[in-house]
Amino acid sequence: MSIRKKTPPILKRLGVDAALFVSSMDTLLEQFGTAVGEPEVLRMHCTLRRLRSMPGVRCHVFFDAA
């Protein structure tokens, strides 16, 4: 299933200002590192990027728990 061509961009549909969104995401990633999400997503991120650690996250904790 694809998004119809007539569908407005997601930020417009949500009523979110694009510049504010980008600014907020920059701040979020500065505070939380290179990834934000559920433990399984962070585990996958570490695996794909071959990381042993990320700012604010100890990847080995995820691997030990799996």
N, C-alpha and C. Protein backbone atom coordinates (compact mmCIF):
# COMPACT_ATOMS: atom_id res chain seq x y z
N MET A 1 0.84 -1.18 0.00
CA MET A 1 0.00 0.00 0.00
C MET A 1 0.89 1.24 0.00
N SER A 2 0.58 2.19 -0.81
CA SER A 2 1.36 3.41 -0.88
C SER A 2 0.49 4.61 -0.50
N ILE A 3 1.17 5.70 -0.24
CA ILE A 3 0.48 6.94 0.11
C ILE A 3 0.03 7.61 -1.18
N ARG A 4 -1.20 8.04 -1.21
CA ARG A 4 -1.74 8.72 -2.39
C ARG A 4 -0.97 10.00 -2.66
N LYS A 5 -0.79 10.32 -3.92
CA LYS A 5 -0.03 11.51 -4.31
C LYS A 5 -0.70 12.79 -3.82
N LYS A 6 -2.02 12.77 -3.64
CA LYS A 6 -2.76 13.96 -3.20
C LYS A 6 -2.66 14.18 -1.69
N THR A 7 -2.12 13.22 -0.95
CA THR A 7 -2.04 13.32 0.50
C THR A 7 -0.99 14.35 0.88
N PRO A 8 -1.33 15.32 1.74
CA PRO A 8 -0.35 16.33 2.16
C PRO A 8 0.78 15.68 2.96
N PRO A 9 1.96 16.31 3.00
CA PRO A 9 3.07 15.79 3.79
C PRO A 9 2.68 15.57 5.25
N ILE A 10 3.30 14.62 5.88
CA ILE A 10 2.93 14.21 7.24
C ILE A 10 2.98 15.36 8.25
N LEU A 11 4.02 16.18 8.19
CA LEU A 11 4.10 17.28 9.16
C LEU A 11 2.95 18.27 8.97
N LYS A 12 2.57 18.51 7.72
CA LYS A 12 1.45 19.41 7.46
C LYS A 12 0.15 18.81 7.99
N ARG A 13 -0.03 17.50 7.78
CA ARG A 13 -1.24 16.83 8.28
C ARG A 13 -1.32 16.89 9.79
N LEU A 14 -0.16 16.83 10.44
CA LEU A 14 -0.14 16.86 11.90
C LEU A 14 -0.17 18.29 12.44
N GLY A 15 -0.02 19.27 11.56
CA GLY A 15 -0.01 20.66 11.99
C GLY A 15 1.28 21.04 12.69
N VAL A 16 2.39 20.42 12.26
CA VAL A 16 3.69 20.67 12.88
C VAL A 16 4.54 21.52 11.94
N ASP A 17 5.13 22.57 12.48
CA ASP A 17 6.02 23.43 11.71
C ASP A 17 7.32 22.67 11.44
N ALA A 18 7.73 22.59 10.18
CA ALA A 18 8.90 21.79 9.79
C ALA A 18 10.19 22.29 10.45
N ALA A 19 10.40 23.60 10.50
CA ALA A 19 11.61 24.15 11.11
C ALA A 19 11.67 23.83 12.60
N LEU A 20 10.54 23.94 13.26
CA LEU A 20 10.48 23.61 14.69
C LEU A 20 10.74 22.12 14.92
N PHE A 21 10.20 21.28 14.04
CA PHE A 21 10.41 19.84 14.15
C PHE A 21 11.90 19.50 14.02
N VAL A 22 12.55 20.07 13.02
CA VAL A 22 13.98 19.80 12.81
C VAL A 22 14.79 20.27 14.01
N SER A 23 14.48 21.46 14.50
CA SER A 23 15.17 22.00 15.68
C SER A 23 14.97 21.09 16.90
N SER A 24 13.76 20.62 17.08
CA SER A 24 13.47 19.73 18.21
C SER A 24 14.22 18.42 18.09
N MET A 25 14.30 17.87 16.89
CA MET A 25 15.01 16.60 16.68
C MET A 25 16.50 16.77 16.89
N ASP A 26 17.05 17.92 16.48
CA ASP A 26 18.46 18.18 16.73
C ASP A 26 18.74 18.16 18.22
N THR A 27 17.90 18.84 18.99
CA THR A 27 18.05 18.88 20.45
C THR A 27 17.88 17.49 21.05
N LEU A 28 16.90 16.75 20.58
CA LEU A 28 16.65 15.40 21.09
C LEU A 28 17.86 14.51 20.87
N LEU A 29 18.42 14.53 19.67
CA LEU A 29 19.57 13.67 19.38
C LEU A 29 20.82 14.12 20.11
N GLU A 30 20.96 15.43 20.36
CA GLU A 30 22.08 15.91 21.16
C GLU A 30 22.00 15.35 22.58
N GLN A 31 20.79 15.26 23.11
CA GLN A 31 20.60 14.77 24.48
C GLN A 31 20.68 13.25 24.57
N PHE A 32 20.19 12.55 23.54
CA PHE A 32 20.09 11.10 23.63
C PHE A 32 21.04 10.34 22.73
N GLY A 33 21.86 11.01 21.95
CA GLY A 33 22.82 10.31 21.10
C GLY A 33 22.30 10.13 19.68
N THR A 34 22.72 9.05 19.04
CA THR A 34 22.42 8.86 17.63
C THR A 34 21.13 8.12 17.36
N ALA A 35 20.50 7.60 18.40
CA ALA A 35 19.27 6.83 18.19
C ALA A 35 18.35 6.97 19.39
N VAL A 36 17.07 6.92 19.11
CA VAL A 36 16.04 6.99 20.14
C VAL A 36 15.01 5.94 19.80
N GLY A 37 14.59 5.15 20.80
CA GLY A 37 13.56 4.16 20.50
C GLY A 37 13.49 3.05 21.52
N GLU A 38 12.69 2.07 21.19
CA GLU A 38 12.51 0.89 22.03
C GLU A 38 13.82 0.11 22.10
N PRO A 39 14.03 -0.66 23.17
CA PRO A 39 15.28 -1.43 23.31
C PRO A 39 15.60 -2.30 22.09
N GLU A 40 14.60 -2.92 21.49
CA GLU A 40 14.85 -3.78 20.33
C GLU A 40 15.38 -2.96 19.15
N VAL A 41 14.86 -1.76 18.97
CA VAL A 41 15.33 -0.89 17.89
C VAL A 41 16.76 -0.43 18.17
N LEU A 42 17.05 -0.08 19.42
CA LEU A 42 18.41 0.33 19.78
C LEU A 42 19.38 -0.84 19.62
N ARG A 43 18.95 -2.03 19.96
CA ARG A 43 19.78 -3.22 19.78
C ARG A 43 20.12 -3.41 18.30
N MET A 44 19.12 -3.25 17.44
CA MET A 44 19.33 -3.38 16.00
C MET A 44 20.28 -2.28 15.50
N HIS A 45 20.09 -1.06 16.00
CA HIS A 45 20.95 0.06 15.63
C HIS A 45 22.40 -0.25 15.97
N CYS A 46 22.64 -0.75 17.18
CA CYS A 46 24.00 -1.10 17.60
C CYS A 46 24.58 -2.18 16.68
N THR A 47 23.80 -3.18 16.38
CA THR A 47 24.27 -4.28 15.53
C THR A 47 24.61 -3.80 14.13
N LEU A 48 23.71 -3.04 13.52
CA LEU A 48 23.94 -2.56 12.15
C LEU A 48 25.14 -1.64 12.05
N ARG A 49 25.35 -0.84 13.06
CA ARG A 49 26.47 0.11 13.02
C ARG A 49 27.72 -0.45 13.69
N ARG A 50 27.63 -1.71 14.14
CA ARG A 50 28.76 -2.39 14.82
C ARG A 50 29.28 -1.57 15.99
N LEU A 51 28.35 -1.08 16.79
CA LEU A 51 28.69 -0.25 17.94
C LEU A 51 28.77 -1.07 19.21
N ARG A 52 29.70 -0.71 20.05
CA ARG A 52 29.77 -1.31 21.39
C ARG A 52 29.18 -0.34 22.41
N SER A 53 29.11 0.95 22.04
CA SER A 53 28.50 1.94 22.93
C SER A 53 28.03 3.13 22.12
N MET A 54 27.08 3.85 22.71
CA MET A 54 26.56 5.10 22.16
C MET A 54 26.40 6.05 23.33
N PRO A 55 26.43 7.36 23.08
CA PRO A 55 26.22 8.30 24.18
C PRO A 55 24.90 8.00 24.90
N GLY A 56 24.98 7.76 26.19
CA GLY A 56 23.79 7.52 26.99
C GLY A 56 23.27 6.10 26.95
N VAL A 57 23.88 5.24 26.13
CA VAL A 57 23.42 3.85 25.99
C VAL A 57 24.62 2.93 26.02
N ARG A 58 24.53 1.89 26.82
CA ARG A 58 25.59 0.89 26.81
C ARG A 58 25.09 -0.30 26.00
N CYS A 59 25.57 -0.43 24.79
CA CYS A 59 25.06 -1.46 23.88
C CYS A 59 25.24 -2.87 24.44
N HIS A 60 26.34 -3.08 25.19
CA HIS A 60 26.57 -4.42 25.71
C HIS A 60 25.44 -4.87 26.64
N VAL A 61 24.78 -3.92 27.28
CA VAL A 61 23.63 -4.25 28.13
C VAL A 61 22.53 -4.89 27.30
N PHE A 62 22.29 -4.36 26.11
CA PHE A 62 21.28 -4.92 25.23
C PHE A 62 21.65 -6.32 24.77
N PHE A 63 22.91 -6.51 24.43
CA PHE A 63 23.33 -7.82 23.92
C PHE A 63 23.32 -8.86 25.02
N ASP A 64 23.70 -8.47 26.24
CA ASP A 64 23.67 -9.42 27.37
C ASP A 64 22.24 -9.85 27.69
N ALA A 65 21.28 -8.93 27.51
CA ALA A 65 19.88 -9.21 27.85
C ALA A 65 19.19 -10.07 26.79
N ALA A 66 19.74 -10.06 25.58
CA ALA A 66 19.07 -10.78 24.48
C ALA A 66 19.34 -12.26 24.54
